[in-house]
C-alpha cells in the first residue's frame, strides 16, 4: 500500500524530530529520571515472576502510549493541514 505524503511526513517527524525535541526538554528528562528511580525501586522488591509480569505490563503500556501519541500527532497534523487549506 502506498503511503500518503502526510503519512510519510508524520512518520519522519515522529521518528526523528519529535525524539530530538523531547530528549532536549528538561521537564521530560526529570520525569524520565523519576521513572527510572521508581523502576529501580520495584526491581529491588520484585521476585523473578513479579518482575517478568511487570515487564510484560510495561511493554504493553508503552506500546499503548506510543500508539496514542502517534494518533495524537497525526490528528494534529491533519488539523493543521485543514486549517491551512481553509486559509486559502
N, C-alpha and C. Protein backbone atom coordinates (compact mmCIF):
# COMPACT_ATOMS: atom_id res chain seq x y z
N UNK A 1 0.83 -1.17 0.00
CA UNK A 1 0.00 0.00 0.00
C UNK A 1 0.89 1.25 0.00
N UNK A 2 0.59 2.17 -0.87
CA UNK A 2 1.35 3.41 -0.94
C UNK A 2 0.96 4.32 0.22
N UNK A 3 1.97 4.97 0.78
CA UNK A 3 1.72 5.90 1.87
C UNK A 3 1.44 7.28 1.29
N UNK A 4 0.55 8.02 1.95
CA UNK A 4 0.29 9.39 1.53
C UNK A 4 1.46 10.27 1.97
N UNK A 5 1.53 11.44 1.38
CA UNK A 5 2.58 12.39 1.76
C UNK A 5 2.47 12.73 3.24
N UNK A 6 1.23 12.89 3.72
CA UNK A 6 1.03 13.20 5.14
C UNK A 6 1.57 12.08 6.02
N UNK A 7 1.31 10.83 5.67
CA UNK A 7 1.80 9.71 6.46
C UNK A 7 3.32 9.66 6.47
N UNK A 8 3.94 9.93 5.34
CA UNK A 8 5.41 9.94 5.27
C UNK A 8 5.98 11.06 6.14
N UNK A 9 5.35 12.24 6.06
CA UNK A 9 5.80 13.37 6.88
C UNK A 9 5.67 13.04 8.36
N UNK A 10 4.53 12.50 8.76
CA UNK A 10 4.30 12.19 10.16
C UNK A 10 5.30 11.16 10.66
N UNK A 11 5.52 10.14 9.86
CA UNK A 11 6.47 9.09 10.24
C UNK A 11 7.86 9.67 10.46
N UNK A 12 8.30 10.50 9.54
CA UNK A 12 9.64 11.10 9.68
C UNK A 12 9.71 12.06 10.86
N UNK A 13 8.68 12.86 11.03
CA UNK A 13 8.69 13.83 12.12
C UNK A 13 8.63 13.16 13.48
N UNK A 14 7.79 12.13 13.62
CA UNK A 14 7.67 11.48 14.92
C UNK A 14 8.89 10.64 15.23
N UNK A 15 9.51 10.05 14.23
CA UNK A 15 10.66 9.18 14.48
C UNK A 15 11.95 9.94 14.70
N UNK A 16 12.06 11.11 14.17
CA UNK A 16 13.32 11.84 14.26
C UNK A 16 13.18 13.16 15.02
N UNK A 17 12.37 14.03 14.51
CA UNK A 17 12.29 15.38 15.06
C UNK A 17 11.71 15.41 16.47
N UNK A 18 10.63 14.68 16.68
CA UNK A 18 10.00 14.69 17.99
C UNK A 18 10.93 14.12 19.06
N UNK A 19 11.62 13.03 18.75
CA UNK A 19 12.58 12.47 19.71
C UNK A 19 13.65 13.49 20.08
N UNK A 20 14.14 14.20 19.09
CA UNK A 20 15.18 15.20 19.34
C UNK A 20 14.66 16.29 20.27
N UNK A 21 13.44 16.74 20.04
CA UNK A 21 12.85 17.79 20.87
C UNK A 21 12.61 17.29 22.29
N UNK A 22 12.03 16.10 22.41
CA UNK A 22 11.69 15.55 23.72
C UNK A 22 12.93 15.36 24.57
N UNK A 23 13.97 14.78 24.01
CA UNK A 23 15.15 14.46 24.80
C UNK A 23 15.93 15.70 25.21
N UNK A 24 15.66 16.84 24.60
CA UNK A 24 16.30 18.09 25.00
C UNK A 24 15.47 18.86 26.02
N UNK A 25 14.26 18.37 26.32
CA UNK A 25 13.36 19.06 27.23
C UNK A 25 13.67 18.67 28.68
N UNK A 26 13.93 19.68 29.50
CA UNK A 26 14.33 19.44 30.88
C UNK A 26 13.22 18.75 31.68
N UNK A 27 11.98 19.17 31.50
CA UNK A 27 10.87 18.55 32.23
C UNK A 27 10.75 17.06 31.88
N UNK A 28 10.94 16.74 30.61
CA UNK A 28 10.89 15.33 30.20
C UNK A 28 12.02 14.54 30.84
N UNK A 29 13.23 15.10 30.81
CA UNK A 29 14.38 14.40 31.39
C UNK A 29 14.19 14.17 32.90
N UNK A 30 13.62 15.15 33.59
CA UNK A 30 13.35 14.98 35.02
C UNK A 30 12.31 13.88 35.25
N UNK A 31 11.26 13.87 34.45
CA UNK A 31 10.23 12.84 34.58
C UNK A 31 10.81 11.46 34.28
N UNK A 32 11.68 11.40 33.30
CA UNK A 32 12.33 10.13 32.95
C UNK A 32 13.21 9.65 34.11
N UNK A 33 13.91 10.57 34.74
CA UNK A 33 14.75 10.22 35.88
C UNK A 33 13.93 9.66 37.04
N UNK A 34 12.78 10.28 37.31
CA UNK A 34 11.90 9.78 38.38
C UNK A 34 11.36 8.40 38.02
N UNK A 35 11.03 8.21 36.76
CA UNK A 35 10.55 6.90 36.31
C UNK A 35 11.64 5.85 36.51
N UNK A 36 12.86 6.18 36.13
CA UNK A 36 13.97 5.24 36.29
C UNK A 36 14.20 4.88 37.76
N UNK A 37 14.10 5.87 38.64
CA UNK A 37 14.28 5.63 40.07
C UNK A 37 13.18 4.71 40.60
N UNK A 38 11.94 4.96 40.20
CA UNK A 38 10.82 4.13 40.65
C UNK A 38 10.97 2.69 40.14
N UNK A 39 11.41 2.56 38.89
CA UNK A 39 11.61 1.22 38.33
C UNK A 39 12.70 0.48 39.09
N UNK A 40 13.77 1.15 39.43
CA UNK A 40 14.85 0.52 40.19
C UNK A 40 14.36 0.08 41.57
N UNK A 41 13.53 0.88 42.20
CA UNK A 41 12.95 0.51 43.50
C UNK A 41 12.09 -0.75 43.37
N UNK A 42 11.30 -0.83 42.31
CA UNK A 42 10.47 -2.01 42.10
C UNK A 42 11.31 -3.25 41.85
N UNK A 43 12.36 -3.10 41.09
CA UNK A 43 13.23 -4.25 40.79
C UNK A 43 13.85 -4.83 42.06
N UNK A 44 14.07 -3.99 43.05
CA UNK A 44 14.67 -4.46 44.30
C UNK A 44 13.71 -5.31 45.12
N UNK A 45 12.40 -5.06 44.96
CA UNK A 45 11.43 -5.78 45.79
C UNK A 45 10.70 -6.90 45.05
N UNK A 46 10.75 -6.90 43.73
CA UNK A 46 10.07 -7.93 42.95
C UNK A 46 10.90 -9.21 42.88
N UNK A 47 10.21 -10.35 42.95
CA UNK A 47 10.90 -11.60 42.65
C UNK A 47 10.88 -11.79 41.13
N UNK A 48 11.44 -12.90 40.63
CA UNK A 48 11.54 -13.11 39.19
C UNK A 48 10.19 -13.11 38.49
N UNK A 49 9.23 -13.79 39.06
CA UNK A 49 7.90 -13.88 38.43
C UNK A 49 7.20 -12.52 38.41
N UNK A 50 7.29 -11.81 39.50
CA UNK A 50 6.69 -10.47 39.56
C UNK A 50 7.37 -9.53 38.58
N UNK A 51 8.69 -9.65 38.51
CA UNK A 51 9.44 -8.80 37.60
C UNK A 51 9.06 -9.07 36.14
N UNK A 52 8.91 -10.35 35.80
CA UNK A 52 8.53 -10.72 34.43
C UNK A 52 7.13 -10.19 34.11
N UNK A 53 6.19 -10.36 35.04
CA UNK A 53 4.82 -9.88 34.83
C UNK A 53 4.80 -8.36 34.67
N UNK A 54 5.59 -7.69 35.50
CA UNK A 54 5.64 -6.23 35.42
C UNK A 54 6.25 -5.77 34.10
N UNK A 55 7.30 -6.42 33.65
CA UNK A 55 7.93 -6.06 32.37
C UNK A 55 6.95 -6.27 31.21
N UNK A 56 6.16 -7.35 31.27
CA UNK A 56 5.14 -7.58 30.24
C UNK A 56 4.10 -6.46 30.25
N UNK A 57 3.69 -6.07 31.45
CA UNK A 57 2.74 -4.96 31.57
C UNK A 57 3.33 -3.67 31.00
N UNK A 58 4.57 -3.37 31.38
CA UNK A 58 5.20 -2.12 30.92
C UNK A 58 5.38 -2.12 29.40
N UNK A 59 5.70 -3.26 28.82
CA UNK A 59 5.83 -3.34 27.37
C UNK A 59 4.49 -3.03 26.71
N UNK A 60 3.43 -3.63 27.22
CA UNK A 60 2.09 -3.39 26.67
C UNK A 60 1.67 -1.93 26.87
N UNK A 61 1.94 -1.38 28.05
CA UNK A 61 1.57 0.00 28.34
C UNK A 61 2.37 0.98 27.48
N UNK A 62 3.65 0.73 27.31
CA UNK A 62 4.47 1.60 26.47
C UNK A 62 3.98 1.58 25.02
N UNK A 63 3.58 0.42 24.56
CA UNK A 63 3.04 0.33 23.19
C UNK A 63 1.74 1.12 23.08
N UNK A 64 0.86 1.00 24.08
CA UNK A 64 -0.39 1.74 24.07
C UNK A 64 -0.14 3.24 24.02
N UNK A 65 0.78 3.71 24.84
CA UNK A 65 1.10 5.13 24.88
C UNK A 65 1.70 5.58 23.54
N UNK A 66 2.56 4.76 22.95
CA UNK A 66 3.17 5.11 21.66
C UNK A 66 2.10 5.23 20.58
N UNK A 67 1.12 4.33 20.58
CA UNK A 67 0.02 4.40 19.60
C UNK A 67 -0.78 5.67 19.83
N UNK A 68 -1.07 5.98 21.08
CA UNK A 68 -1.83 7.19 21.42
C UNK A 68 -1.10 8.44 20.94
N UNK A 69 0.20 8.49 21.20
CA UNK A 69 0.98 9.65 20.79
C UNK A 69 0.99 9.79 19.28
N UNK A 70 1.17 8.69 18.57
CA UNK A 70 1.17 8.75 17.11
C UNK A 70 -0.18 9.22 16.59
N UNK A 71 -1.27 8.70 17.15
CA UNK A 71 -2.59 9.13 16.71
C UNK A 71 -2.82 10.61 17.01
N UNK A 72 -2.36 11.07 18.17
CA UNK A 72 -2.49 12.48 18.54
C UNK A 72 -1.71 13.37 17.58
N UNK A 73 -0.50 12.97 17.30
CA UNK A 73 0.35 13.74 16.40
C UNK A 73 -0.26 13.78 14.99
N UNK A 74 -0.72 12.62 14.54
CA UNK A 74 -1.34 12.52 13.22
C UNK A 74 -2.57 13.43 13.14
N UNK A 75 -3.41 13.41 14.18
CA UNK A 75 -4.60 14.26 14.17
C UNK A 75 -4.22 15.73 14.19
N UNK A 76 -3.20 16.07 14.96
CA UNK A 76 -2.73 17.46 14.98
C UNK A 76 -2.25 17.92 13.61
N UNK A 77 -1.53 17.06 12.92
CA UNK A 77 -1.06 17.40 11.57
C UNK A 77 -2.24 17.56 10.62
N UNK A 78 -3.23 16.68 10.71
CA UNK A 78 -4.41 16.79 9.86
C UNK A 78 -5.17 18.08 10.15
N UNK A 79 -5.31 18.40 11.43
CA UNK A 79 -5.99 19.64 11.81
C UNK A 79 -5.24 20.85 11.27
N UNK A 80 -3.92 20.83 11.36
CA UNK A 80 -3.12 21.93 10.84
C UNK A 80 -3.29 22.06 9.33
N UNK A 81 -3.26 20.94 8.63
CA UNK A 81 -3.43 20.98 7.17
C UNK A 81 -4.82 21.50 6.81
N UNK A 82 -5.85 21.05 7.52
CA UNK A 82 -7.21 21.54 7.27
C UNK A 82 -7.28 23.05 7.52
N UNK A 83 -6.63 23.51 8.56
CA UNK A 83 -6.61 24.94 8.87
C UNK A 83 -5.92 25.73 7.75
N UNK A 84 -4.75 25.25 7.32
CA UNK A 84 -4.01 25.94 6.26
C UNK A 84 -4.81 25.96 4.95
N UNK A 85 -5.47 24.86 4.64
CA UNK A 85 -6.29 24.80 3.42
C UNK A 85 -7.45 25.78 3.53
N UNK A 86 -8.03 25.90 4.74
CA UNK A 86 -9.16 26.82 4.89
C UNK A 86 -8.73 28.27 4.72
N UNK A 87 -7.45 28.57 4.94
CA UNK A 87 -6.97 29.95 4.75
C UNK A 87 -6.82 30.30 3.28
N UNK A 88 -6.70 29.27 2.44
CA UNK A 88 -6.58 29.53 1.00
C UNK A 88 -7.90 29.89 0.47
